Amino acid sequence: MPLTKKKTAPAPRPPRQARVRKEALIRAEAERQFAQYGFEGSSLEMIAAGLGLSRHNLLYYYPNKEGLYRAVLDDVLAEWLQRMEGLVAGTDPEAAVCDYVAAKLRFSRERVAGSQVFAREVMAGAPRFRDAIEARVLPALNADVKTFERWAREGRIATLDFRHLMFSIWASTQAYADLGPQFAILLGKPALEAEDFAAAEEVILKQVLAALQR
């Protein structure tokens, strides 16, 4: 009796570009509103109104607020991790640290709302995103720490608690997104400017490199 070949299911078609663009617009508006009002203070109606859409139309792309919120955080985290990849690939400790701090400050400057949404979630104890942080941030942190430990074994930098070094870098650079308006007030200007980020980069790098100096 001849064997009959099983029919393989066709591969799913990639989403149409129009849908990809619309989803990106929805996430951008949601990111802005989640940053301003938090998860609890935002609603699908508010996000839809900000885009000139009906709630029903928005639900076609994102069926619920929780899913949209996670999509925003996924997008923010993916870009954050992508910008931070240079440390592990670096061969010179000083150059790698300089690039890392510069990339982190660029993220704080260019994606203020995304940084604020992420900070809100973390400050609340990450009730809706803990699994992603553990699954995606922890491996990246471990890889960075191993890189620092290798440089320390090679005698190229001082030995210290590299996890807390990373936490310090994250805190000092992200502050320029989360506390940017306060810093601007204290500097007597309506918003932080490129020169302020350059000054911050210089100060943060001096602190970090001094800590790593043998």
Protein backbone atom coordinates (compact mmCIF):
# COMPACT_ATOMS: atom_id res chain seq x y z
CA MET A 1 0.00 0.00 0.00
CA PRO A 2 1.67 3.28 -1.07
CA LEU A 3 2.40 5.83 1.61
CA THR A 4 0.67 9.14 1.17
CA LYS A 5 2.66 12.25 1.82
CA LYS A 6 1.41 14.52 4.53
CA LYS A 7 0.49 17.94 3.35
CA THR A 8 2.57 20.59 5.02
CA ALA A 9 0.81 23.70 6.20
CA PRO A 10 1.76 26.81 4.26
CA ALA A 11 4.10 29.17 6.06
CA PRO A 12 2.30 32.13 7.61
CA ARG A 13 2.49 35.24 5.51
CA PRO A 14 4.37 38.17 6.99
CA PRO A 15 2.13 41.07 8.05
CA ARG A 16 1.44 43.66 5.41
CA GLN A 17 3.50 46.82 5.59
CA ALA A 18 0.39 48.91 6.14
CA ARG A 19 -0.41 46.90 9.26
CA VAL A 20 3.19 47.10 10.50
CA ARG A 21 3.12 50.89 10.11
CA LYS A 22 -0.23 51.22 11.87
CA GLU A 23 0.89 49.05 14.78
CA ALA A 24 4.04 51.17 15.12
CA LEU A 25 1.93 54.35 15.25
CA ILE A 26 -0.33 52.82 17.89
CA ARG A 27 2.65 51.72 20.01
CA ALA A 28 4.22 55.19 19.74
CA GLU A 29 1.06 56.90 20.99
CA ALA A 30 0.58 54.27 23.70
CA GLU A 31 4.19 54.75 24.78
CA ARG A 32 3.62 58.48 25.12
CA GLN A 33 0.46 58.02 27.18
CA PHE A 34 1.80 55.20 29.36
CA ALA A 35 4.80 57.42 30.14
CA GLN A 36 2.56 60.33 31.11
CA TYR A 37 -0.32 58.56 32.87
CA GLY A 38 1.02 55.11 33.73
CA PHE A 39 -0.69 51.82 32.95
CA GLU A 40 -3.64 52.42 35.28
CA GLY A 41 -4.19 56.02 34.18
CA SER A 42 -4.23 55.23 30.46
CA SER A 43 -7.04 53.65 28.50
CA LEU A 44 -7.54 52.26 25.03
CA GLU A 45 -10.10 55.00 24.43
CA MET A 46 -7.52 57.68 25.24
CA ILE A 47 -4.88 56.06 23.05
CA ALA A 48 -7.33 55.65 20.17
CA ALA A 49 -8.46 59.28 20.52
CA GLY A 50 -4.85 60.44 20.40
CA LEU A 51 -4.56 58.77 17.01
CA GLY A 52 -7.97 59.83 15.70
CA LEU A 53 -9.14 56.22 15.73
CA SER A 54 -12.17 54.52 17.20
CA ARG A 55 -11.67 52.10 20.09
CA HIS A 56 -13.05 49.35 17.85
CA ASN A 57 -10.44 50.10 15.20
CA LEU A 58 -7.61 50.00 17.74
CA LEU A 59 -8.86 46.65 19.09
CA TYR A 60 -8.38 45.18 15.62
CA TYR A 61 -4.62 45.62 16.12
CA TYR A 62 -4.33 45.17 19.88
CA PRO A 63 -7.21 43.29 21.55
CA ASN A 64 -6.56 44.61 25.08
CA LYS A 65 -4.58 47.19 27.04
CA GLU A 66 -2.36 44.59 28.69
CA GLY A 67 -1.23 43.27 25.30
CA LEU A 68 -0.55 46.77 23.99
CA TYR A 69 1.38 47.65 27.14
CA ARG A 70 3.58 44.59 26.81
CA ALA A 71 4.11 45.32 23.11
CA VAL A 72 5.37 48.80 24.04
CA LEU A 73 7.71 47.42 26.70
CA ASP A 74 8.93 44.67 24.35
CA ASP A 75 9.75 47.30 21.75
CA VAL A 76 11.55 49.54 24.26
CA LEU A 77 13.53 46.66 25.72
CA ALA A 78 14.53 45.31 22.29
CA GLU A 79 15.99 48.67 21.27
CA TRP A 80 17.66 49.15 24.66
CA LEU A 81 19.36 45.75 24.48
CA GLN A 82 20.37 46.24 20.85
CA ARG A 83 22.11 49.52 21.69
CA MET A 84 23.90 47.93 24.62
CA GLU A 85 25.51 45.04 22.71
CA GLY A 86 28.84 46.78 22.16
CA LEU A 87 30.30 46.09 25.60
CA VAL A 88 30.56 42.32 25.13
CA ALA A 89 32.02 42.74 21.65
CA GLY A 90 34.57 45.36 22.77
CA THR A 91 38.25 44.51 22.94
CA ASP A 92 39.53 47.64 24.70
CA PRO A 93 37.90 48.25 28.12
CA GLU A 94 38.07 52.04 28.04
CA ALA A 95 36.75 52.34 24.49
CA ALA A 96 33.99 49.79 25.18
CA VAL A 97 32.86 51.59 28.34
CA CYS A 98 32.90 54.96 26.54
CA ASP A 99 30.75 53.57 23.72
CA TYR A 100 28.40 51.92 26.21
CA VAL A 101 27.79 55.07 28.25
CA ALA A 102 27.35 57.14 25.07
CA ALA A 103 24.80 54.64 23.72
CA LYS A 104 22.88 54.61 26.99
CA LEU A 105 22.69 58.40 27.09
CA ARG A 106 21.59 58.53 23.45
CA PHE A 107 18.76 56.17 24.31
CA SER A 108 17.75 58.40 27.25
CA ARG A 109 17.78 61.42 24.96
CA GLU A 110 16.10 59.89 21.91
CA ARG A 111 13.49 57.69 23.58
CA VAL A 112 12.46 59.58 26.68
CA ALA A 113 8.90 58.24 26.85
CA GLY A 114 10.03 54.64 26.39
CA SER A 115 12.58 54.98 29.17
CA GLN A 116 9.91 56.47 31.43
CA VAL A 117 7.42 53.67 30.72
CA PHE A 118 10.06 51.09 31.54
CA ALA A 119 11.08 52.94 34.71
CA ARG A 120 7.44 53.16 35.87
CA GLU A 121 7.02 49.42 35.42
CA VAL A 122 10.23 48.59 37.27
CA MET A 123 9.52 51.03 40.10
CA ALA A 124 6.17 49.29 40.60
CA GLY A 125 7.97 45.96 41.00
CA ALA A 126 7.53 44.92 37.34
CA PRO A 127 4.11 43.27 37.90
CA ARG A 128 3.46 42.91 34.17
CA PHE A 129 6.99 42.52 32.77
CA ARG A 130 9.08 40.65 35.31
CA ASP A 131 9.25 37.51 33.17
CA ALA A 132 10.70 39.42 30.21
CA ILE A 133 13.24 41.25 32.38
CA GLU A 134 14.43 37.98 33.89
CA ALA A 135 14.53 36.22 30.52
CA ARG A 136 16.16 38.98 28.47
CA VAL A 137 17.93 41.50 30.70
CA LEU A 138 19.54 39.04 33.11
CA PRO A 139 21.44 37.12 30.38
CA ALA A 140 22.68 40.41 28.90
CA LEU A 141 23.80 41.61 32.33
CA ASN A 142 25.57 38.31 33.01
CA ALA A 143 27.41 38.56 29.68
CA ASP A 144 28.55 42.11 30.47
CA VAL A 145 29.72 41.09 33.95
CA LYS A 146 31.71 38.19 32.48
CA THR A 147 33.39 40.62 30.10
CA PHE A 148 34.43 42.87 32.97
CA GLU A 149 35.62 39.84 34.97
CA ARG A 150 37.76 38.69 32.02
CA TRP A 151 39.35 42.12 31.72
CA ALA A 152 40.03 42.09 35.47
CA ARG A 153 41.70 38.66 35.26
CA GLU A 154 43.87 39.98 32.46
CA GLY A 155 44.96 42.83 34.72
CA ARG A 156 43.46 45.50 32.49
CA ILE A 157 40.96 46.91 35.02
CA ALA A 158 40.46 46.86 38.78
CA THR A 159 38.37 44.17 40.41
CA LEU A 160 35.08 45.32 41.92
CA ASP A 161 31.41 44.33 42.05
CA PHE A 162 30.65 44.65 38.36
CA ARG A 163 26.91 44.08 38.76
CA HIS A 164 26.67 47.18 40.90
CA LEU A 165 28.91 49.01 38.48
CA MET A 166 26.36 48.25 35.74
CA PHE A 167 23.50 49.31 38.00
CA SER A 168 25.29 52.61 38.61
CA ILE A 169 25.76 53.20 34.89
CA TRP A 170 22.12 52.42 34.19
CA ALA A 171 20.90 54.68 36.99
CA SER A 172 23.08 57.66 36.11
CA THR A 173 22.32 57.54 32.39
CA GLN A 174 18.60 56.78 32.67
CA ALA A 175 18.17 59.69 35.08
CA TYR A 176 18.59 62.01 32.11
CA ALA A 177 15.34 60.63 30.68
CA ASP A 178 13.33 60.10 33.86
CA LEU A 179 14.49 63.28 35.67
CA GLY A 180 15.30 65.33 32.59
CA PRO A 181 12.58 67.95 33.21
CA GLN A 182 13.82 68.49 36.77
CA PHE A 183 17.43 68.81 35.60
CA ALA A 184 16.30 71.34 32.97
CA ILE A 185 14.52 73.46 35.59
CA LEU A 186 17.62 73.48 37.78
CA LEU A 187 19.73 74.47 34.78
CA GLY A 188 17.32 77.31 34.00
CA LYS A 189 16.20 76.09 30.59
CA PRO A 190 13.00 74.63 29.12
CA ALA A 191 14.59 71.31 28.16
CA LEU A 192 17.94 69.57 28.23
CA GLU A 193 20.14 70.28 25.24
CA ALA A 194 22.89 68.38 23.43
CA GLU A 195 25.54 70.16 25.49
CA ASP A 196 23.93 68.87 28.70
CA PHE A 197 24.11 65.29 27.53
CA ALA A 198 27.72 65.82 26.48
CA ALA A 199 28.54 67.21 29.92
CA ALA A 200 26.76 64.29 31.59
CA GLU A 201 28.67 61.81 29.46
CA GLU A 202 31.99 63.37 30.45
CA VAL A 203 31.19 63.29 34.18
CA ILE A 204 29.77 59.74 34.16
CA LEU A 205 32.74 58.42 32.19
CA LYS A 206 35.24 60.03 34.57
CA GLN A 207 33.51 58.33 37.50
CA VAL A 208 33.29 54.91 35.86
CA LEU A 209 36.81 54.92 34.42
CA ALA A 210 38.23 56.09 37.74
CA ALA A 211 36.52 53.16 39.47
CA LEU A 212 38.01 50.73 36.93
CA GLN A 213 41.53 52.12 37.06
CA ARG A 214 44.09 49.75 38.53
